[in-house]
């Protein structure tokens, strides 16, 4: 083990992210075995994605491979060319701290059967195989190019889990029932197939959120005894690449704002309440739970910050213009008054003592209904 990898292991163990049960897999299955020569790590010091090619700079490549940083391995669904970063990152090797925290939350034991949804590089499937044996691991990858590379990586590393190329939302019935399901991309809908293919008492671990923002939460759902639903807490914030068929297609401004200036008013709700700028911010996530079918975006012009809201099922829109004054101008129009909904949602959340990770929870039924709750499944959140 290199000094960098030993230091990473110590940091993860000290933080409680890497448990003793997973330490053997960490040592046996280094992430470097699953990375291509050309990679694009995210540098947390600069906030930028950098290009690193092992053929040109093997030392830098090794440092990044053994760092606690996410590394993009594919851009633009495989259509990207060249060495510069692309437009949309579409496959990556997650930060080791994220990977082992999720594996800890999965709470697996020898002999359990696990379905992984989203193979990516194959590293996670190899870690599971190292702990549980390959015959107990099934992994599904939508992208054929990514799946082919993952299969090569797994074989080279000495593991042979069942790898299926297909839509992960369908699971893999052939390997069911599973004791655990782990999803490695952000989803807007917990698939009923995952519930149906998990035994009663089994756990589904999935990054889940709304279209209001890119912020997700890690849902840890336990399948009910009758197999008709799965329910559990939203344990902490998470940010993952979104399922390809659930990516938000950003509304076209000119298709919405056809009646400017719309209905006008003012608000005293501060900008920091509406959008925090924190990629793991709780406020935006909570507002997304309470204001369904709505996307929001921020346009910072320096002396003025415009916050836009768009209804995703109609042509409702709202704009709040923050200029530093005590009151901000509000414009809104359409079947819904989106800003009124956002204000009401914030005040409800604030009056409810700002419930957050661990208090918020999710129940999903086998027919696809999603219910968000606070403290217990019977306390369902008001929406809209």
Protein backbone atom coordinates (compact mmCIF):
# COMPACT_ATOMS: atom_id res chain seq x y z
CA UNK A 1 0.00 0.00 0.00
CA UNK A 2 1.36 3.44 -0.92
CA UNK A 3 1.78 6.22 1.63
CA UNK A 4 -1.11 8.18 0.07
CA UNK A 5 -3.44 5.20 0.25
CA UNK A 6 -2.39 4.43 3.83
CA UNK A 7 -3.09 8.04 4.80
CA UNK A 8 -6.51 7.90 3.13
CA UNK A 9 -7.32 4.67 4.97
CA UNK A 10 -6.35 6.22 8.30
CA UNK A 11 -8.47 9.31 7.64
CA UNK A 12 -11.51 7.23 6.69
CA UNK A 13 -11.09 4.93 9.72
CA UNK A 14 -10.64 7.86 12.11
CA UNK A 15 -13.79 9.49 10.72
CA UNK A 16 -15.81 6.29 11.15
CA UNK A 17 -16.50 6.22 7.43
CA UNK A 18 -14.45 3.09 6.79
CA UNK A 19 -15.46 0.43 9.30
CA UNK A 20 -13.21 -2.49 10.30
CA UNK A 21 -15.59 -4.81 8.41
CA UNK A 22 -14.79 -2.98 5.16
CA UNK A 23 -11.08 -2.34 5.77
CA UNK A 24 -10.06 -5.62 4.13
CA UNK A 25 -11.96 -4.73 0.95
CA UNK A 26 -10.40 -1.25 0.94
CA UNK A 27 -6.93 -2.81 1.01
CA UNK A 28 -7.69 -5.59 -1.47
CA UNK A 29 -9.50 -3.48 -4.08
CA UNK A 30 -7.79 -0.13 -4.78
CA UNK A 31 -9.75 2.36 -6.84
CA UNK A 32 -6.79 2.73 -9.20
CA UNK A 33 -7.57 -0.69 -10.73
CA UNK A 34 -10.83 0.72 -12.10
CA UNK A 35 -9.72 3.99 -13.66
CA UNK A 36 -8.77 4.58 -17.32
CA UNK A 37 -5.59 6.37 -18.31
CA UNK A 38 -7.41 9.63 -19.07
CA UNK A 39 -9.42 10.95 -16.12
CA UNK A 40 -10.88 14.26 -14.92
CA UNK A 41 -10.63 14.64 -11.14
CA UNK A 42 -12.41 17.43 -9.30
CA UNK A 43 -9.88 19.54 -7.41
CA UNK A 44 -11.54 20.72 -4.16
CA UNK A 45 -8.84 23.34 -3.60
CA UNK A 46 -9.60 25.20 -6.82
CA UNK A 47 -13.19 24.09 -7.40
CA UNK A 48 -12.19 23.07 -10.93
CA UNK A 49 -12.12 19.84 -12.90
CA UNK A 50 -8.62 19.01 -14.12
CA UNK A 51 -7.34 16.74 -16.88
CA UNK A 52 -4.87 14.01 -15.90
CA UNK A 53 -3.42 11.40 -18.25
CA UNK A 54 -1.41 8.54 -16.76
CA UNK A 55 0.63 8.29 -19.97
CA UNK A 56 1.84 11.87 -19.53
CA UNK A 57 2.02 12.18 -15.74
CA UNK A 58 1.78 8.85 -13.89
CA UNK A 59 2.65 10.42 -10.52
CA UNK A 60 -0.22 12.90 -10.70
CA UNK A 61 -2.56 10.16 -11.91
CA UNK A 62 -1.65 7.95 -8.93
CA UNK A 63 -2.08 10.82 -6.48
CA UNK A 64 -5.58 11.50 -7.73
CA UNK A 65 -6.49 7.81 -7.85
CA UNK A 66 -5.64 7.57 -4.14
CA UNK A 67 -7.22 10.88 -3.13
CA UNK A 68 -10.62 11.45 -1.58
CA UNK A 69 -11.94 13.19 -4.67
CA UNK A 70 -14.52 12.33 -7.35
CA UNK A 71 -13.10 11.45 -10.75
CA UNK A 72 -15.08 11.76 -13.98
CA UNK A 73 -14.44 8.98 -16.50
CA UNK A 74 -17.08 9.88 -19.12
CA UNK A 75 -18.57 13.12 -20.44
CA UNK A 76 -21.71 13.76 -22.46
CA UNK A 77 -22.96 10.15 -22.55
CA UNK A 78 -19.80 9.06 -24.35
CA UNK A 79 -20.05 11.61 -27.17
CA UNK A 80 -17.21 13.74 -25.80
CA UNK A 81 -13.92 13.95 -27.70
CA UNK A 82 -10.52 15.34 -26.75
CA UNK A 83 -8.83 15.80 -23.40
CA UNK A 84 -10.52 18.93 -22.08
CA UNK A 85 -13.49 18.45 -19.74
CA UNK A 86 -16.81 18.07 -21.51
CA UNK A 87 -20.17 19.70 -20.83
CA UNK A 88 -22.02 17.13 -18.71
CA UNK A 89 -20.29 14.53 -16.58
CA UNK A 90 -22.08 11.21 -17.09
CA UNK A 91 -19.98 8.56 -15.35
CA UNK A 92 -17.52 8.79 -12.50
CA UNK A 93 -15.64 7.11 -9.68
CA UNK A 94 -17.13 8.57 -6.52
CA UNK A 95 -15.13 9.90 -3.59
CA UNK A 96 -13.92 6.98 -1.44
CA UNK A 97 -15.48 8.62 1.62
CA UNK A 98 -18.88 8.61 -0.12
CA UNK A 99 -18.47 5.02 -1.29
CA UNK A 100 -17.55 3.61 2.10
CA UNK A 101 -20.13 5.68 3.97
CA UNK A 102 -22.82 4.18 1.74
CA UNK A 103 -21.40 0.68 2.17
CA UNK A 104 -21.46 1.21 5.93
CA UNK A 105 -25.11 2.32 5.73
CA UNK A 106 -25.94 -0.72 3.61
CA UNK A 107 -25.24 -2.92 6.66
CA UNK A 108 -24.34 -6.12 4.82
CA UNK A 109 -23.23 -9.46 6.21
CA UNK A 110 -21.60 -12.50 4.55
CA UNK A 111 -24.11 -14.54 2.59
CA UNK A 112 -26.36 -11.61 1.71
CA UNK A 113 -27.37 -10.96 -1.89
CA UNK A 114 -26.95 -7.40 -3.17
CA UNK A 115 -28.23 -5.59 -6.26
CA UNK A 116 -26.20 -2.58 -7.33
CA UNK A 117 -27.94 -0.16 -9.69
CA UNK A 118 -25.35 1.82 -11.66
CA UNK A 119 -22.11 -0.12 -12.17
CA UNK A 120 -19.94 2.79 -13.27
CA UNK A 121 -16.26 1.83 -13.09
CA UNK A 122 -17.03 -1.49 -11.37
CA UNK A 123 -15.15 -0.51 -8.20
CA UNK A 124 -18.20 -0.65 -5.94
CA UNK A 125 -19.22 -4.04 -7.33
CA UNK A 126 -15.69 -5.32 -6.70
CA UNK A 127 -15.76 -4.07 -3.10
CA UNK A 128 -19.07 -5.86 -2.57
CA UNK A 129 -17.70 -8.99 -4.22
CA UNK A 130 -14.62 -8.90 -2.01
CA UNK A 131 -16.82 -8.83 1.09
CA UNK A 132 -19.72 -11.05 0.00
CA UNK A 133 -18.26 -13.17 -2.87
CA UNK A 134 -19.02 -12.50 -6.52
CA UNK A 135 -21.93 -14.94 -6.77
CA UNK A 136 -23.90 -12.80 -4.31
CA UNK A 137 -23.53 -9.55 -6.25
CA UNK A 138 -25.56 -8.38 -9.25
CA UNK A 139 -24.86 -5.02 -10.86
CA UNK A 140 -26.76 -3.22 -13.63
CA UNK A 141 -25.38 -0.53 -15.96
CA UNK A 142 -27.38 1.34 -18.60
CA UNK A 143 -24.47 2.56 -20.73
CA UNK A 144 -23.00 -0.24 -22.86
CA UNK A 145 -19.64 1.53 -23.20
CA UNK A 146 -19.36 1.97 -19.43
CA UNK A 147 -20.52 -1.60 -18.78
CA UNK A 148 -17.92 -3.05 -21.16
CA UNK A 149 -15.12 -1.16 -19.46
CA UNK A 150 -16.40 -2.15 -16.00
CA UNK A 151 -16.50 -5.82 -16.99
CA UNK A 152 -12.87 -5.63 -18.13
CA UNK A 153 -11.90 -3.91 -14.88
CA UNK A 154 -13.65 -6.53 -12.77
CA UNK A 155 -12.07 -9.45 -14.61
CA UNK A 156 -8.63 -7.87 -14.31
CA UNK A 157 -9.17 -7.39 -10.57
CA UNK A 158 -10.26 -11.01 -10.15
CA UNK A 159 -14.01 -10.57 -9.54
CA UNK A 160 -16.99 -11.92 -11.47
CA UNK A 161 -20.30 -10.52 -10.21
CA UNK A 162 -23.30 -10.79 -12.51
CA UNK A 163 -23.12 -7.67 -14.69
CA UNK A 164 -26.23 -6.80 -16.69
CA UNK A 165 -26.42 -4.08 -19.33
CA UNK A 166 -29.85 -2.51 -19.14
CA UNK A 167 -32.15 -0.10 -17.35
CA UNK A 168 -31.37 -0.20 -13.64
CA UNK A 169 -34.91 0.90 -12.81
CA UNK A 170 -36.01 -2.59 -13.86
CA UNK A 171 -33.58 -4.20 -11.42
CA UNK A 172 -32.62 -7.78 -12.25
CA UNK A 173 -35.37 -10.27 -11.53
CA UNK A 174 -33.12 -13.25 -12.23
CA UNK A 175 -31.08 -12.61 -9.09
CA UNK A 176 -33.98 -11.73 -6.79
CA UNK A 177 -34.83 -11.67 -3.98
CA UNK A 178 -32.09 -9.40 -2.72
CA UNK A 179 -31.21 -8.54 0.85
CA UNK A 180 -29.92 -5.13 -0.15
CA UNK A 181 -30.24 -2.72 -3.08
CA UNK A 182 -27.75 0.12 -3.50
CA UNK A 183 -28.32 2.83 -6.11
CA UNK A 184 -25.31 4.88 -7.22
CA UNK A 185 -27.04 7.70 -9.13
CA UNK A 186 -29.53 10.37 -8.15
CA UNK A 187 -33.12 9.39 -8.78
CA UNK A 188 -36.41 11.25 -8.74
CA UNK A 189 -38.44 8.06 -8.43
CA UNK A 190 -37.68 5.00 -6.31
CA UNK A 191 -38.47 2.18 -8.71
CA UNK A 192 -41.24 -0.24 -7.67
CA UNK A 193 -39.07 -3.02 -9.13
CA UNK A 194 -36.48 -2.44 -6.41
CA UNK A 195 -39.16 -2.93 -3.77
CA UNK A 196 -40.60 -6.00 -5.47
CA UNK A 197 -37.15 -7.60 -5.83
CA UNK A 198 -36.08 -6.99 -2.21
CA UNK A 199 -37.08 -9.40 0.53
CA UNK A 200 -39.22 -8.10 3.44
CA UNK A 201 -36.92 -6.39 5.93
CA UNK A 202 -34.34 -5.74 3.23
CA UNK A 203 -32.80 -2.31 2.70
CA UNK A 204 -32.86 -0.01 -0.34
CA UNK A 205 -30.23 2.74 -0.27
CA UNK A 206 -30.75 5.42 -2.91
CA UNK A 207 -29.93 9.11 -3.47
CA UNK A 208 -33.34 10.71 -3.96
CA UNK A 209 -34.63 14.22 -4.47
CA UNK A 210 -36.84 16.55 -6.49
CA UNK A 211 -36.41 18.71 -9.58
CA UNK A 212 -36.41 21.86 -7.45
CA UNK A 213 -32.61 21.64 -7.20
CA UNK A 214 -29.71 19.25 -7.77
CA UNK A 215 -29.57 18.53 -4.04
CA UNK A 216 -30.54 15.00 -3.08
CA UNK A 217 -30.74 13.06 0.17
CA UNK A 218 -29.70 9.50 0.84
CA UNK A 219 -32.88 7.51 1.47
CA UNK A 220 -32.48 4.35 3.56
CA UNK A 221 -35.71 2.44 3.06
CA UNK A 222 -36.74 -0.83 4.71
CA UNK A 223 -39.13 -3.05 2.77
CA UNK A 224 -42.33 -3.79 4.70
CA UNK A 225 -43.25 -7.28 5.84
CA UNK A 226 -45.96 -7.52 3.17
CA UNK A 227 -43.58 -6.28 0.44
CA UNK A 228 -46.07 -3.59 -0.56
CA UNK A 229 -43.93 -0.58 0.39
CA UNK A 230 -40.55 0.60 1.63
CA UNK A 231 -40.04 3.34 4.18
CA UNK A 232 -37.25 5.04 6.07
CA UNK A 233 -35.35 8.22 6.86
CA UNK A 234 -33.52 10.63 4.59
CA UNK A 235 -30.25 10.23 6.44
CA UNK A 236 -28.01 12.95 4.98
CA UNK A 237 -27.45 15.17 1.93
CA UNK A 238 -26.04 13.66 -1.24
CA UNK A 239 -25.22 14.86 -4.73
CA UNK A 240 -24.97 12.32 -7.54
CA UNK A 241 -25.28 12.28 -11.31
CA UNK A 242 -28.95 11.95 -12.15
CA UNK A 243 -30.63 9.03 -13.88
CA UNK A 244 -30.39 9.72 -17.60
CA UNK A 245 -34.12 9.55 -18.19
CA UNK A 246 -34.78 11.84 -15.22
CA UNK A 247 -32.44 14.71 -15.97
CA UNK A 248 -34.16 18.05 -15.81
CA UNK A 249 -34.69 19.65 -19.20
CA UNK A 250 -34.41 23.29 -18.19
CA UNK A 251 -37.53 25.27 -19.18
CA UNK A 252 -37.17 27.69 -22.08
CA UNK A 253 -37.71 31.19 -20.74
CA UNK A 254 -39.56 32.46 -23.80
CA UNK A 255 -42.07 29.60 -23.63
CA UNK A 256 -43.06 30.56 -20.09
CA UNK A 257 -42.81 34.32 -19.76
CA UNK A 258 -45.30 35.40 -22.41
CA UNK A 259 -47.21 37.90 -20.27
CA UNK A 260 -44.53 40.00 -18.60
CA UNK A 261 -44.65 41.54 -16.01
CA UNK A 262 -47.36 39.19 -14.74
CA UNK A 263 -48.83 39.73 -11.30
CA UNK A 264 -46.53 41.96 -9.22
CA UNK A 265 -45.91 42.20 -5.47
CA UNK A 266 -43.00 42.39 -3.02
CA UNK A 267 -41.44 40.07 -0.46
CA UNK A 268 -39.25 40.47 2.61
CA UNK A 269 -38.03 36.86 2.52
CA UNK A 270 -34.21 37.16 2.28
CA UNK A 271 -32.18 35.81 -0.62
CA UNK A 272 -30.28 33.49 1.74
CA UNK A 273 -33.54 31.76 2.58
CA UNK A 274 -34.49 31.20 -1.03
CA UNK A 275 -31.12 29.89 -2.15
CA UNK A 276 -28.09 29.31 0.07
CA UNK A 277 -25.47 28.44 -2.54
CA UNK A 278 -24.57 25.40 -0.44
CA UNK A 279 -24.45 22.27 -2.65
CA UNK A 280 -25.71 20.28 0.35
CA UNK A 281 -28.09 22.97 1.62
CA UNK A 282 -31.13 21.86 3.58
CA UNK A 283 -33.39 24.83 2.78
CA UNK A 284 -33.55 24.20 -0.97
CA UNK A 285 -34.07 20.49 -0.42
CA UNK A 286 -36.92 21.10 2.03
CA UNK A 287 -38.59 23.61 -0.30
CA UNK A 288 -38.41 21.04 -3.10
CA UNK A 289 -40.31 18.57 -0.93
CA UNK A 290 -43.05 21.08 -0.20
CA UNK A 291 -43.36 22.70 -3.65
CA UNK A 292 -43.80 19.83 -6.13
CA UNK A 293 -43.14 19.92 -9.87
CA UNK A 294 -41.11 23.11 -9.68
CA UNK A 295 -37.56 23.99 -10.73
CA UNK A 296 -35.65 27.06 -9.63
CA UNK A 297 -32.50 28.75 -10.82
CA UNK A 298 -30.38 31.75 -9.83
CA UNK A 299 -28.95 34.41 -12.15
CA UNK A 300 -26.42 36.57 -10.32
CA UNK A 301 -25.82 39.84 -12.19
CA UNK A 302 -23.66 41.42 -9.49
CA UNK A 303 -25.86 44.31 -8.39
CA UNK A 304 -29.02 42.23 -8.86
CA UNK A 305 -29.78 38.57 -8.21
CA UNK A 306 -32.73 37.08 -10.07
CA UNK A 307 -34.30 33.89 -8.75
CA UNK A 308 -36.56 32.13 -11.26
CA UNK A 309 -39.18 29.45 -10.62
CA UNK A 310 -40.83 27.34 -13.33
CA UNK A 311 -43.75 24.93 -13.03
CA UNK A 312 -42.87 21.64 -14.72
CA UNK A 313 -46.42 20.50 -15.43
CA UNK A 314 -47.81 23.82 -16.66
CA UNK A 315 -46.54 27.23 -17.73
CA UNK A 316 -46.48 28.83 -14.29
CA UNK A 317 -43.49 31.06 -13.57
CA UNK A 318 -42.20 33.44 -10.93
CA UNK A 319 -39.27 35.83 -10.65
CA UNK A 320 -37.92 37.44 -7.47
CA UNK A 321 -35.48 40.31 -8.04
CA UNK A 322 -33.05 40.94 -5.17
CA UNK A 323 -31.24 44.29 -5.35
CA UNK A 324 -30.09 44.71 -1.75
CA UNK A 325 -33.21 46.57 -0.61
CA UNK A 326 -35.36 45.39 2.30
CA UNK A 327 -38.07 44.33 -0.11
CA UNK A 328 -37.61 42.36 -3.33
CA UNK A 329 -39.88 42.70 -6.35
CA UNK A 330 -41.92 39.63 -7.25
CA UNK A 331 -43.43 38.78 -10.65
CA UNK A 332 -45.50 35.63 -11.17
CA UNK A 333 -48.07 34.22 -13.53
CA UNK A 334 -49.71 31.01 -14.69
CA UNK A 335 -52.12 28.47 -13.18
CA UNK A 336 -50.01 28.37 -9.99
CA UNK A 337 -48.59 31.21 -7.93
CA UNK A 338 -45.21 29.60 -7.44
CA UNK A 339 -43.69 32.30 -5.28
CA UNK A 340 -46.69 32.21 -2.95
CA UNK A 341 -46.16 28.45 -2.66
CA UNK A 342 -42.45 28.89 -1.92
CA UNK A 343 -43.14 31.51 0.77
CA UNK A 344 -45.82 29.34 2.38
CA UNK A 345 -43.54 26.29 2.23
CA UNK A 346 -40.69 28.12 3.93
CA UNK A 347 -42.92 29.44 6.70
CA UNK A 348 -44.38 25.97 7.31
CA UNK A 349 -40.90 24.45 7.47
CA UNK A 350 -39.64 27.24 9.75
CA UNK A 351 -42.65 26.93 12.10
CA UNK A 352 -42.17 23.15 12.22
CA UNK A 353 -38.69 23.68 13.74
CA UNK A 354 -36.92 23.19 10.42
CA UNK A 355 -36.98 19.38 10.17
CA UNK A 356 -33.89 18.01 8.46
CA UNK A 357 -31.85 14.89 7.89
CA UNK A 358 -32.99 12.02 10.07
CA UNK A 359 -36.37 13.63 10.83
CA UNK A 360 -37.46 13.74 7.20
CA UNK A 361 -38.43 10.41 5.71
CA UNK A 362 -39.85 8.78 2.60
CA UNK A 363 -42.37 6.01 2.00
CA UNK A 364 -42.71 4.50 -1.47
CA UNK A 365 -45.44 2.01 -2.35
CA UNK A 366 -45.12 -0.84 -4.81
CA UNK A 367 -47.40 1.06 -7.20
CA UNK A 368 -45.05 4.07 -7.21
CA UNK A 369 -46.65 6.51 -4.77
CA UNK A 370 -44.08 8.66 -2.89
CA UNK A 371 -44.99 10.15 0.50
CA UNK A 372 -42.64 12.45 2.42
CA UNK A 373 -43.01 12.63 6.18
CA UNK A 374 -41.57 14.14 9.36
CA UNK A 375 -40.55 12.01 12.36
CA UNK A 376 -42.94 9.15 11.54
CA UNK A 377 -44.67 7.86 8.39
CA UNK A 378 -48.11 8.98 9.60
CA UNK A 379 -47.04 12.66 9.61
CA UNK A 380 -47.10 13.29 5.86
CA UNK A 381 -45.85 16.67 4.62
CA UNK A 382 -48.27 19.08 2.98
CA UNK A 383 -47.34 19.68 -0.63
CA UNK A 384 -48.32 22.57 -2.86
